[in-house]
Amino acid sequence: MLALSLTATAGISAQETIHIVQRGETIYSIARSYRVDIQDLMRFNGVLDPQKLQAGQRLAIPKGADSGFVEYRVKKGETLYSIARKYDITLQSLRNANNFTETYVLKEGDLLKIPVKPQERRVVSGNEAPAPTGARPPSGANTRVMEPKPVDDSIRWPVAAKEVLYMTGKLYGVALLGEKSEAVRSLTQGTVVSAGPYRGFGKVAIVQVNGGYLYVYGGCESLSVREGDKVKSGSELGRLGIDAVSRKPQLFFLVYRSNTPIDPAKAPRA
């Protein structure tokens, strides 16, 4: 279920809500999602044969539709966090919209209400869903401004850090120099809410921890965990790879609390 707002298009008024048809959707399911009459939706878009609806087709949603929410059917392997990323909303707002507690376990087939305002809707690619603010490392070497800090042996890091560099540009966190293929270990117990590649940062694992924390472990050549896995302090998350920019085995370690970056050296260890 994807939608966006267009400000000026021939035949479409300003701030019109546009729905991008996804594979498997029907004119009936889309009308139900926006709580509009099927015939009104068809007439509004000149749809004569509802059976000929195609993926990628744009449908204008008549004004007056209930566009504060859209419906989403959970697919196998999806989590609340991955769905929140897809729609560029916070995890808590998704929980609130569906009256879920923090311990609720999402199930395949669940029908979710997605709180998306028309003026905030935009197309989301299935291959690169956006993360909540602060949770996705931006790509590109120009975002990495490094400031070296002395290695403090009393601080436990995800790898045996030989060098600690603080990133002080658009990205706030640390780059830790380690050994190629060294085990990257979780500093806390928690739940893996994302595991996969991010352009420019190798493979990345994100662990959600009680208290509103997200621990981001980037720069892995391989991952040992999948989305939804429970990890303990010391659990192996993956193996360290060679950074494409520095040409060194570097782990990019970031910590967020309520989507605000904090000093990784001061983040809780458990």
C-alpha atoms as a PDB file:
ATOM      1  CA  MET A   1       0.000   0.000   0.000  1.00  0.00           C
ATOM      2  CA  LEU A   2       1.774   3.120  -1.193  1.00  0.00           C
ATOM      3  CA  ALA A   3       0.529   6.644  -1.607  1.00  0.00           C
ATOM      4  CA  LEU A   4       1.921  10.114  -2.182  1.00  0.00           C
ATOM      5  CA  SER A   5       0.755  13.690  -2.473  1.00  0.00           C
ATOM      6  CA  LEU A   6       1.051  15.612  -5.749  1.00  0.00           C
ATOM      7  CA  THR A   7       1.033  19.396  -5.723  1.00  0.00           C
ATOM      8  CA  ALA A   8       0.499  20.098  -9.407  1.00  0.00           C
ATOM      9  CA  THR A   9      -0.443  17.613 -12.104  1.00  0.00           C
ATOM     10  CA  ALA A  10      -2.740  18.060 -15.073  1.00  0.00           C
ATOM     11  CA  GLY A  11      -6.240  16.942 -14.145  1.00  0.00           C
ATOM     12  CA  ILE A  12      -5.348  16.504 -10.468  1.00  0.00           C
ATOM     13  CA  SER A  13      -5.920  19.220  -7.913  1.00  0.00           C
ATOM     14  CA  ALA A  14      -3.261  20.432  -5.482  1.00  0.00           C
ATOM     15  CA  GLN A  15      -2.569  18.122  -2.526  1.00  0.00           C
ATOM     16  CA  GLU A  16      -4.519  15.265  -4.159  1.00  0.00           C
ATOM     17  CA  THR A  17      -3.799  11.873  -2.595  1.00  0.00           C
ATOM     18  CA  ILE A  18      -2.434   9.390  -5.133  1.00  0.00           C
ATOM     19  CA  HIS A  19      -2.287   5.652  -4.498  1.00  0.00           C
ATOM     20  CA  ILE A  20       0.340   3.523  -6.281  1.00  0.00           C
ATOM     21  CA  VAL A  21      -1.157   0.100  -6.987  1.00  0.00           C
ATOM     22  CA  GLN A  22       0.898  -2.793  -5.624  1.00  0.00           C
ATOM     23  CA  ARG A  23       0.993  -6.383  -6.870  1.00  0.00           C
ATOM     24  CA  GLY A  24      -2.015  -8.310  -5.565  1.00  0.00           C
ATOM     25  CA  GLU A  25      -4.145  -5.255  -4.777  1.00  0.00           C
ATOM     26  CA  THR A  26      -7.636  -4.820  -6.228  1.00  0.00           C
ATOM     27  CA  ILE A  27      -9.887  -1.842  -6.713  1.00  0.00           C
ATOM     28  CA  TYR A  28     -12.005  -3.293  -3.915  1.00  0.00           C
ATOM     29  CA  SER A  29      -9.170  -3.564  -1.371  1.00  0.00           C
ATOM     30  CA  ILE A  30      -7.965  -0.039  -2.199  1.00  0.00           C
ATOM     31  CA  ALA A  31     -11.453   1.443  -1.842  1.00  0.00           C
ATOM     32  CA  ARG A  32     -11.836  -0.329   1.501  1.00  0.00           C
ATOM     33  CA  SER A  33      -8.483   0.975   2.727  1.00  0.00           C
ATOM     34  CA  TYR A  34      -9.478   4.587   2.047  1.00  0.00           C
ATOM     35  CA  ARG A  35     -13.121   4.032   3.042  1.00  0.00           C
ATOM     36  CA  VAL A  36     -14.455   5.274  -0.264  1.00  0.00           C
ATOM     37  CA  ASP A  37     -17.195   3.897  -2.468  1.00  0.00           C
ATOM     38  CA  ILE A  38     -15.849   1.531  -5.129  1.00  0.00           C
ATOM     39  CA  GLN A  39     -17.914   3.109  -7.890  1.00  0.00           C
ATOM     40  CA  ASP A  40     -16.768   6.593  -6.852  1.00  0.00           C
ATOM     41  CA  LEU A  41     -13.156   5.472  -7.006  1.00  0.00           C
ATOM     42  CA  MET A  42     -13.630   3.895 -10.425  1.00  0.00           C
ATOM     43  CA  ARG A  43     -15.461   6.936 -11.855  1.00  0.00           C
ATOM     44  CA  PHE A  44     -12.900   9.322 -10.379  1.00  0.00           C
ATOM     45  CA  ASN A  45     -10.112   7.502 -12.240  1.00  0.00           C
ATOM     46  CA  GLY A  46     -11.969   6.462 -15.382  1.00  0.00           C
ATOM     47  CA  VAL A  47     -11.597   2.769 -14.536  1.00  0.00           C
ATOM     48  CA  LEU A  48     -14.054   0.800 -16.661  1.00  0.00           C
ATOM     49  CA  ASP A  49     -12.832  -2.730 -15.936  1.00  0.00           C
ATOM     50  CA  PRO A  50     -11.594  -3.328 -12.349  1.00  0.00           C
ATOM     51  CA  GLN A  51     -10.027  -6.622 -13.451  1.00  0.00           C
ATOM     52  CA  LYS A  52      -7.490  -4.720 -15.554  1.00  0.00           C
ATOM     53  CA  LEU A  53      -5.882  -2.867 -12.638  1.00  0.00           C
ATOM     54  CA  GLN A  54      -2.077  -3.095 -12.957  1.00  0.00           C
ATOM     55  CA  ALA A  55       0.786  -2.850 -10.484  1.00  0.00           C
ATOM     56  CA  GLY A  56       2.332   0.618 -10.662  1.00  0.00           C
ATOM     57  CA  GLN A  57      -0.889   2.256 -11.831  1.00  0.00           C
ATOM     58  CA  ARG A  58      -1.727   5.554 -10.107  1.00  0.00           C
ATOM     59  CA  LEU A  59      -5.160   6.103  -8.648  1.00  0.00           C
ATOM     60  CA  ALA A  60      -6.365   9.481  -7.409  1.00  0.00           C
ATOM     61  CA  ILE A  61      -8.285   9.147  -4.156  1.00  0.00           C
ATOM     62  CA  PRO A  62     -11.476  11.244  -4.011  1.00  0.00           C
ATOM     63  CA  LYS A  63     -11.492  14.027  -1.448  1.00  0.00           C
ATOM     64  CA  GLY A  64     -13.264  13.145   1.749  1.00  0.00           C
ATOM     65  CA  ALA A  65     -11.662   9.710   1.949  1.00  0.00           C
ATOM     66  CA  ASP A  66     -10.390   8.640   5.344  1.00  0.00           C
ATOM     67  CA  SER A  67      -6.713   9.075   4.470  1.00  0.00           C
ATOM     68  CA  GLY A  68      -5.386   9.272   8.016  1.00  0.00           C
ATOM     69  CA  PHE A  69      -4.681   5.539   7.825  1.00  0.00           C
ATOM     70  CA  VAL A  70      -4.021   2.933   5.193  1.00  0.00           C
ATOM     71  CA  GLU A  71      -4.294  -0.806   5.711  1.00  0.00           C
ATOM     72  CA  TYR A  72      -1.399  -3.217   5.358  1.00  0.00           C
ATOM     73  CA  ARG A  73      -1.439  -7.025   5.417  1.00  0.00           C
ATOM     74  CA  VAL A  74       1.649  -8.443   7.137  1.00  0.00           C
ATOM     75  CA  LYS A  75       3.797 -10.762   5.029  1.00  0.00           C
ATOM     76  CA  LYS A  76       5.950 -13.653   6.215  1.00  0.00           C
ATOM     77  CA  GLY A  77       9.132 -12.537   7.968  1.00  0.00           C
ATOM     78  CA  GLU A  78       8.056  -8.903   8.424  1.00  0.00           C
ATOM     79  CA  THR A  79       8.320  -7.102  11.744  1.00  0.00           C
ATOM     80  CA  LEU A  80       6.758  -3.949  13.126  1.00  0.00           C
ATOM     81  CA  TYR A  81      10.119  -2.245  12.721  1.00  0.00           C
ATOM     82  CA  SER A  82      10.531  -3.198   9.058  1.00  0.00           C
ATOM     83  CA  ILE A  83       6.995  -1.991   8.285  1.00  0.00           C
ATOM     84  CA  ALA A  84       7.603   1.269  10.164  1.00  0.00           C
ATOM     85  CA  ARG A  85      10.741   1.738   8.033  1.00  0.00           C
ATOM     86  CA  LYS A  86       8.805   1.079   4.841  1.00  0.00           C
ATOM     87  CA  TYR A  87       6.333   3.858   5.624  1.00  0.00           C
ATOM     88  CA  ASP A  88       8.911   6.195   7.197  1.00  0.00           C
ATOM     89  CA  ILE A  89       7.089   6.384  10.524  1.00  0.00           C
ATOM     90  CA  THR A  90       8.194   5.717  14.075  1.00  0.00           C
ATOM     91  CA  LEU A  91       7.774   2.318  15.657  1.00  0.00           C
ATOM     92  CA  GLN A  92       5.790   3.839  18.513  1.00  0.00           C
ATOM     93  CA  SER A  93       3.311   5.569  16.218  1.00  0.00           C
ATOM     94  CA  LEU A  94       2.676   2.238  14.491  1.00  0.00           C
ATOM     95  CA  ARG A  95       2.130   0.558  17.850  1.00  0.00           C
ATOM     96  CA  ASN A  96      -0.211   3.328  18.981  1.00  0.00           C
ATOM     97  CA  ALA A  97      -2.304   3.150  15.803  1.00  0.00           C
ATOM     98  CA  ASN A  98      -2.877  -0.558  16.371  1.00  0.00           C
ATOM     99  CA  ASN A  99      -3.059  -0.561  20.188  1.00  0.00           C
ATOM    100  CA  PHE A 100      -0.041  -2.876  20.389  1.00  0.00           C
ATOM    101  CA  THR A 101       2.060  -3.256  23.517  1.00  0.00           C
ATOM    102  CA  GLU A 102       5.869  -3.390  23.310  1.00  0.00           C
ATOM    103  CA  THR A 103       5.689  -7.166  23.765  1.00  0.00           C
ATOM    104  CA  TYR A 104       3.202  -7.796  20.939  1.00  0.00           C
ATOM    105  CA  VAL A 105       4.530 -10.342  18.422  1.00  0.00           C
ATOM    106  CA  LEU A 106       3.479  -9.612  14.849  1.00  0.00           C
ATOM    107  CA  LYS A 107       1.979 -12.518  12.902  1.00  0.00           C
ATOM    108  CA  GLU A 108       1.751 -13.218   9.192  1.00  0.00           C
ATOM    109  CA  GLY A 109      -1.647 -12.097   7.947  1.00  0.00           C
ATOM    110  CA  ASP A 110      -2.189  -9.406  10.586  1.00  0.00           C
ATOM    111  CA  LEU A 111      -4.034  -6.379   9.171  1.00  0.00           C
ATOM    112  CA  LEU A 112      -2.364  -3.172  10.333  1.00  0.00           C
ATOM    113  CA  LYS A 113      -3.492   0.436  10.288  1.00  0.00           C
ATOM    114  CA  ILE A 114      -0.659   2.618   8.985  1.00  0.00           C
ATOM    115  CA  PRO A 115      -0.842   6.245  10.201  1.00  0.00           C
ATOM    116  CA  VAL A 116       0.210   8.210   7.131  1.00  0.00           C
ATOM    117  CA  LYS A 117      -0.888  11.792   6.446  1.00  0.00           C
ATOM    118  CA  PRO A 118      -1.562  12.654   2.765  1.00  0.00           C
ATOM    119  CA  GLN A 119       0.964  15.487   2.657  1.00  0.00           C
ATOM    120  CA  GLU A 120       3.640  13.157   4.017  1.00  0.00           C
ATOM    121  CA  ARG A 121       3.048  10.230   1.669  1.00  0.00           C
ATOM    122  CA  ARG A 122       5.588   9.339  -0.971  1.00  0.00           C
ATOM    123  CA  VAL A 123       6.627   6.380  -3.090  1.00  0.00           C
ATOM    124  CA  VAL A 124       8.710   3.800  -1.249  1.00  0.00           C
ATOM    125  CA  SER A 125      10.841   1.342  -3.175  1.00  0.00           C
ATOM    126  CA  GLY A 126      10.550  -2.231  -2.016  1.00  0.00           C
ATOM    127  CA  ASN A 127      14.325  -2.641  -2.360  1.00  0.00           C
ATOM    128  CA  GLU A 128      15.350   0.335  -0.260  1.00  0.00           C
ATOM    129  CA  ALA A 129      12.795   1.217   2.381  1.00  0.00           C
ATOM    130  CA  PRO A 130      13.559   4.303   4.442  1.00  0.00           C
ATOM    131  CA  ALA A 131      14.422   4.030   8.124  1.00  0.00           C
ATOM    132  CA  PRO A 132      13.126   6.200  10.923  1.00  0.00           C
ATOM    133  CA  THR A 133      15.053   9.436  11.336  1.00  0.00           C
ATOM    134  CA  GLY A 134      18.540   8.670  12.538  1.00  0.00           C
ATOM    135  CA  ALA A 135      18.351   4.898  12.185  1.00  0.00           C
ATOM    136  CA  ARG A 136      19.774   4.508   8.673  1.00  0.00           C
ATOM    137  CA  PRO A 137      23.417   5.352   7.956  1.00  0.00           C
ATOM    138  CA  PRO A 138      23.575   7.806   5.019  1.00  0.00           C
ATOM    139  CA  SER A 139      25.715   6.650   2.132  1.00  0.00           C
ATOM    140  CA  GLY A 140      28.779   8.330   0.709  1.00  0.00           C
ATOM    141  CA  ALA A 141      32.266   9.127   1.976  1.00  0.00           C
ATOM    142  CA  ASN A 142      31.501  12.836   2.345  1.00  0.00           C
ATOM    143  CA  THR A 143      29.286  12.064   5.342  1.00  0.00           C
ATOM    144  CA  ARG A 144      32.248  10.704   7.314  1.00  0.00           C
ATOM    145  CA  VAL A 145      34.232  13.302   9.192  1.00  0.00           C
ATOM    146  CA  MET A 146      36.566  11.441  11.544  1.00  0.00           C
ATOM    147  CA  GLU A 147      38.096  12.591  14.814  1.00  0.00           C
ATOM    148  CA  PRO A 148      40.497  10.148  16.539  1.00  0.00           C
ATOM    149  CA  LYS A 149      40.134   9.452  20.253  1.00  0.00           C
ATOM    150  CA  PRO A 150      42.445   7.518  22.583  1.00  0.00           C
ATOM    151  CA  VAL A 151      41.473   3.879  23.047  1.00  0.00           C
ATOM    152  CA  ASP A 152      40.118   3.397  26.561  1.00  0.00           C
ATOM    153  CA  ASP A 153      40.691  -0.220  27.584  1.00  0.00           C
ATOM    154  CA  SER A 154      37.948   0.045  30.215  1.00  0.00           C
ATOM    155  CA  ILE A 155      35.276   0.470  27.524  1.00  0.00           C
ATOM    156  CA  ARG A 156      33.898  -2.698  25.949  1.00  0.00           C
ATOM    157  CA  TRP A 157      33.295  -2.427  22.194  1.00  0.00           C
ATOM    158  CA  PRO A 158      31.654  -4.831  19.698  1.00  0.00           C
ATOM    159  CA  VAL A 159      35.148  -5.646  18.360  1.00  0.00           C
ATOM    160  CA  ALA A 160      38.603  -5.493  19.921  1.00  0.00           C
ATOM    161  CA  ALA A 161      39.161  -1.877  18.879  1.00  0.00           C
ATOM    162  CA  LYS A 162      42.710  -0.916  17.887  1.00  0.00           C
ATOM    163  CA  GLU A 163      41.593   2.585  16.968  1.00  0.00           C
ATOM    164  CA  VAL A 164      38.518   4.667  17.787  1.00  0.00           C
ATOM    165  CA  LEU A 165      37.409   7.397  15.386  1.00  0.00           C
ATOM    166  CA  TYR A 166      34.401   9.573  16.159  1.00  0.00           C
ATOM    167  CA  MET A 167      32.263  10.511  13.170  1.00  0.00           C
ATOM    168  CA  THR A 168      31.297  14.160  13.558  1.00  0.00           C
ATOM    169  CA  GLY A 169      29.678  14.947  10.195  1.00  0.00           C
ATOM    170  CA  LYS A 170      26.100  14.071   9.223  1.00  0.00           C
ATOM    171  CA  LEU A 171      26.635  10.713  10.868  1.00  0.00           C
ATOM    172  CA  TYR A 172      27.364  10.567  14.618  1.00  0.00           C
ATOM    173  CA  GLY A 173      28.972   7.464  16.039  1.00  0.00           C
ATOM    174  CA  VAL A 174      32.306   5.679  16.041  1.00  0.00           C
ATOM    175  CA  ALA A 175      34.387   3.772  13.525  1.00  0.00           C
ATOM    176  CA  LEU A 176      36.331   0.997  15.238  1.00  0.00           C
ATOM    177  CA  LEU A 177      39.428  -0.500  13.610  1.00  0.00           C
ATOM    178  CA  GLY A 178      39.531  -4.250  14.067  1.00  0.00           C
ATOM    179  CA  GLU A 179      40.653  -7.393  12.240  1.00  0.00           C
ATOM    180  CA  LYS A 180      39.112  -8.647   9.011  1.00  0.00           C
ATOM    181  CA  SER A 181      36.533 -11.382   9.663  1.00  0.00           C
ATOM    182  CA  GLU A 182      36.652 -10.680  13.408  1.00  0.00           C
ATOM    183  CA  ALA A 183      33.423 -11.517  15.234  1.00  0.00           C
ATOM    184  CA  VAL A 184      31.151  -8.511  15.815  1.00  0.00           C
ATOM    185  CA  ARG A 185      29.371  -9.032  19.138  1.00  0.00           C
ATOM    186  CA  SER A 186      26.272  -7.431  20.583  1.00  0.00           C
ATOM    187  CA  LEU A 187      26.871  -5.247  23.621  1.00  0.00           C
ATOM    188  CA  THR A 188      23.380  -5.863  24.960  1.00  0.00           C
ATOM    189  CA  GLN A 189      20.449  -8.203  24.885  1.00  0.00           C
ATOM    190  CA  GLY A 190      17.682  -7.197  22.534  1.00  0.00           C
ATOM    191  CA  THR A 191      15.856  -7.941  19.285  1.00  0.00           C
ATOM    192  CA  VAL A 192      17.310  -7.679  15.790  1.00  0.00           C
ATOM    193  CA  VAL A 193      14.919  -5.335  13.976  1.00  0.00           C
ATOM    194  CA  SER A 194      16.929  -5.009  10.767  1.00  0.00           C
ATOM    195  CA  ALA A 195      19.633  -7.130   9.158  1.00  0.00           C
ATOM    196  CA  GLY A 196      20.943  -6.555   5.662  1.00  0.00           C
ATOM    197  CA  PRO A 197      23.034  -4.369   3.364  1.00  0.00           C
ATOM    198  CA  TYR A 198      23.155  -0.572   3.366  1.00  0.00           C
ATOM    199  CA  ARG A 199      24.953   1.046   0.464  1.00  0.00           C
ATOM    200  CA  GLY A 200      28.390   2.221   1.542  1.00  0.00           C
ATOM    201  CA  PHE A 201      28.302   0.426   4.899  1.00  0.00           C
ATOM    202  CA  GLY A 202      28.398  -3.253   4.017  1.00  0.00           C
ATOM    203  CA  LYS A 203      25.961  -5.377   5.962  1.00  0.00           C
ATOM    204  CA  VAL A 204      24.298  -3.796   8.984  1.00  0.00           C
ATOM    205  CA  ALA A 205      22.513  -5.254  11.998  1.00  0.00           C
ATOM    206  CA  ILE A 206      20.241  -3.041  14.125  1.00  0.00           C
ATOM    207  CA  VAL A 207      19.322  -4.249  17.608  1.00  0.00           C
ATOM    208  CA  GLN A 208      16.420  -2.768  19.541  1.00  0.00           C
ATOM    209  CA  VAL A 209      16.977  -2.590  23.300  1.00  0.00           C
ATOM    210  CA  ASN A 210      14.601  -1.784  26.151  1.00  0.00           C
ATOM    211  CA  GLY A 211      14.498   1.898  27.013  1.00  0.00           C
ATOM    212  CA  GLY A 212      14.042   3.146  23.457  1.00  0.00           C
ATOM    213  CA  TYR A 213      17.583   2.314  22.285  1.00  0.00           C
ATOM    214  CA  LEU A 214      18.737   1.230  18.832  1.00  0.00           C
ATOM    215  CA  TYR A 215      22.254  -0.167  18.442  1.00  0.00           C
ATOM    216  CA  VAL A 216      23.570  -0.052  14.868  1.00  0.00           C
ATOM    217  CA  TYR A 217      26.438  -2.355  13.853  1.00  0.00           C
ATOM    218  CA  GLY A 218      27.641  -1.582  10.316  1.00  0.00           C
ATOM    219  CA  GLY A 219      30.554  -2.658   8.152  1.00  0.00           C
ATOM    220  CA  CYS A 220      30.071  -6.424   8.363  1.00  0.00           C
ATOM    221  CA  GLU A 221      31.043  -8.708   5.504  1.00  0.00           C
ATOM    222  CA  SER A 222      28.494 -11.263   6.668  1.00  0.00           C
ATOM    223  CA  LEU A 223      25.714 -11.443   9.244  1.00  0.00           C
ATOM    224  CA  SER A 224      24.948 -14.261  11.668  1.00  0.00           C
ATOM    225  CA  VAL A 225      21.490 -12.972  12.613  1.00  0.00           C
ATOM    226  CA  ARG A 226      18.200 -12.279  10.911  1.00  0.00           C
ATOM    227  CA  GLU A 227      15.379  -9.851  11.536  1.00  0.00           C
ATOM    228  CA  GLY A 228      13.400 -10.949  14.583  1.00  0.00           C
ATOM    229  CA  ASP A 229      16.239 -12.852  16.270  1.00  0.00           C
ATOM    230  CA  LYS A 230      16.725 -12.407  20.010  1.00  0.00           C
ATOM    231  CA  VAL A 231      20.343 -11.751  21.025  1.00  0.00           C
ATOM    232  CA  LYS A 232      22.203 -11.618  24.316  1.00  0.00           C
ATOM    233  CA  SER A 233      25.195  -9.559  25.368  1.00  0.00           C
ATOM    234  CA  GLY A 234      28.150 -11.199  23.612  1.00  0.00           C
ATOM    235  CA  SER A 235      26.089 -12.827  20.844  1.00  0.00           C
ATOM    236  CA  GLU A 236      27.805 -12.839  17.473  1.00  0.00           C
ATOM    237  CA  LEU A 237      26.021 -10.570  15.006  1.00  0.00           C
ATOM    238  CA  GLY A 238      28.360 -11.042  12.067  1.00  0.00           C
ATOM    239  CA  ARG A 239      31.916 -10.824  10.798  1.00  0.00           C
ATOM    240  CA  LEU A 240      33.836  -7.617  10.194  1.00  0.00           C
ATOM    241  CA  GLY A 241      34.533  -6.637   6.583  1.00  0.00           C
ATOM    242  CA  ILE A 242      36.790  -4.178   4.747  1.00  0.00           C
ATOM    243  CA  ASP A 243      35.345  -0.681   4.412  1.00  0.00           C
ATOM    244  CA  ALA A 244      35.131   0.430   0.774  1.00  0.00           C
ATOM    245  CA  VAL A 245      36.255   3.988   1.630  1.00  0.00           C
ATOM    246  CA  SER A 246      39.075   3.543   4.144  1.00  0.00           C
ATOM    247  CA  ARG A 247      40.141   0.107   2.832  1.00  0.00           C
ATOM    248  CA  LYS A 248      40.431  -0.979   6.462  1.00  0.00           C
ATOM    249  CA  PRO A 249      38.452  -3.441   8.586  1.00  0.00           C
ATOM    250  CA  GLN A 250      36.212  -0.901  10.332  1.00  0.00           C
ATOM    251  CA  LEU A 251      33.028  -1.349  12.282  1.00  0.00           C
ATOM    252  CA  PHE A 252      30.607   1.582  12.209  1.00  0.00           C
ATOM    253  CA  PHE A 253      28.881   1.600  15.578  1.00  0.00           C
ATOM    254  CA  LEU A 254      26.042   4.016  16.343  1.00  0.00           C
ATOM    255  CA  VAL A 255      23.559   4.206  19.198  1.00  0.00           C
ATOM    256  CA  TYR A 256      20.233   6.067  19.202  1.00  0.00           C
ATOM    257  CA  ARG A 257      17.788   6.707  21.996  1.00  0.00           C
ATOM    258  CA  SER A 258      14.328   7.794  20.849  1.00  0.00           C
ATOM    259  CA  ASN A 259      15.869   8.419  17.391  1.00  0.00           C
ATOM    260  CA  THR A 260      18.485  10.800  18.851  1.00  0.00           C
ATOM    261  CA  PRO A 261      22.171   9.803  18.509  1.00  0.00           C
ATOM    262  CA  ILE A 262      24.129   9.397  21.724  1.00  0.00           C
ATOM    263  CA  ASP A 263      27.817   8.804  22.481  1.00  0.00           C
ATOM    264  CA  PRO A 264      28.368   5.067  21.829  1.00  0.00           C
ATOM    265  CA  ALA A 265      31.026   4.978  24.565  1.00  0.00           C
ATOM    266  CA  LYS A 266      28.371   5.992  27.108  1.00  0.00           C
ATOM    267  CA  ALA A 267      25.605   3.732  25.861  1.00  0.00           C
ATOM    268  CA  PRO A 268      24.478   0.967  28.245  1.00  0.00           C
ATOM    269  CA  ARG A 269      26.265  -2.346  28.127  1.00  0.00           C
ATOM    270  CA  ALA A 270      24.376  -5.356  29.477  1.00  0.00           C
END
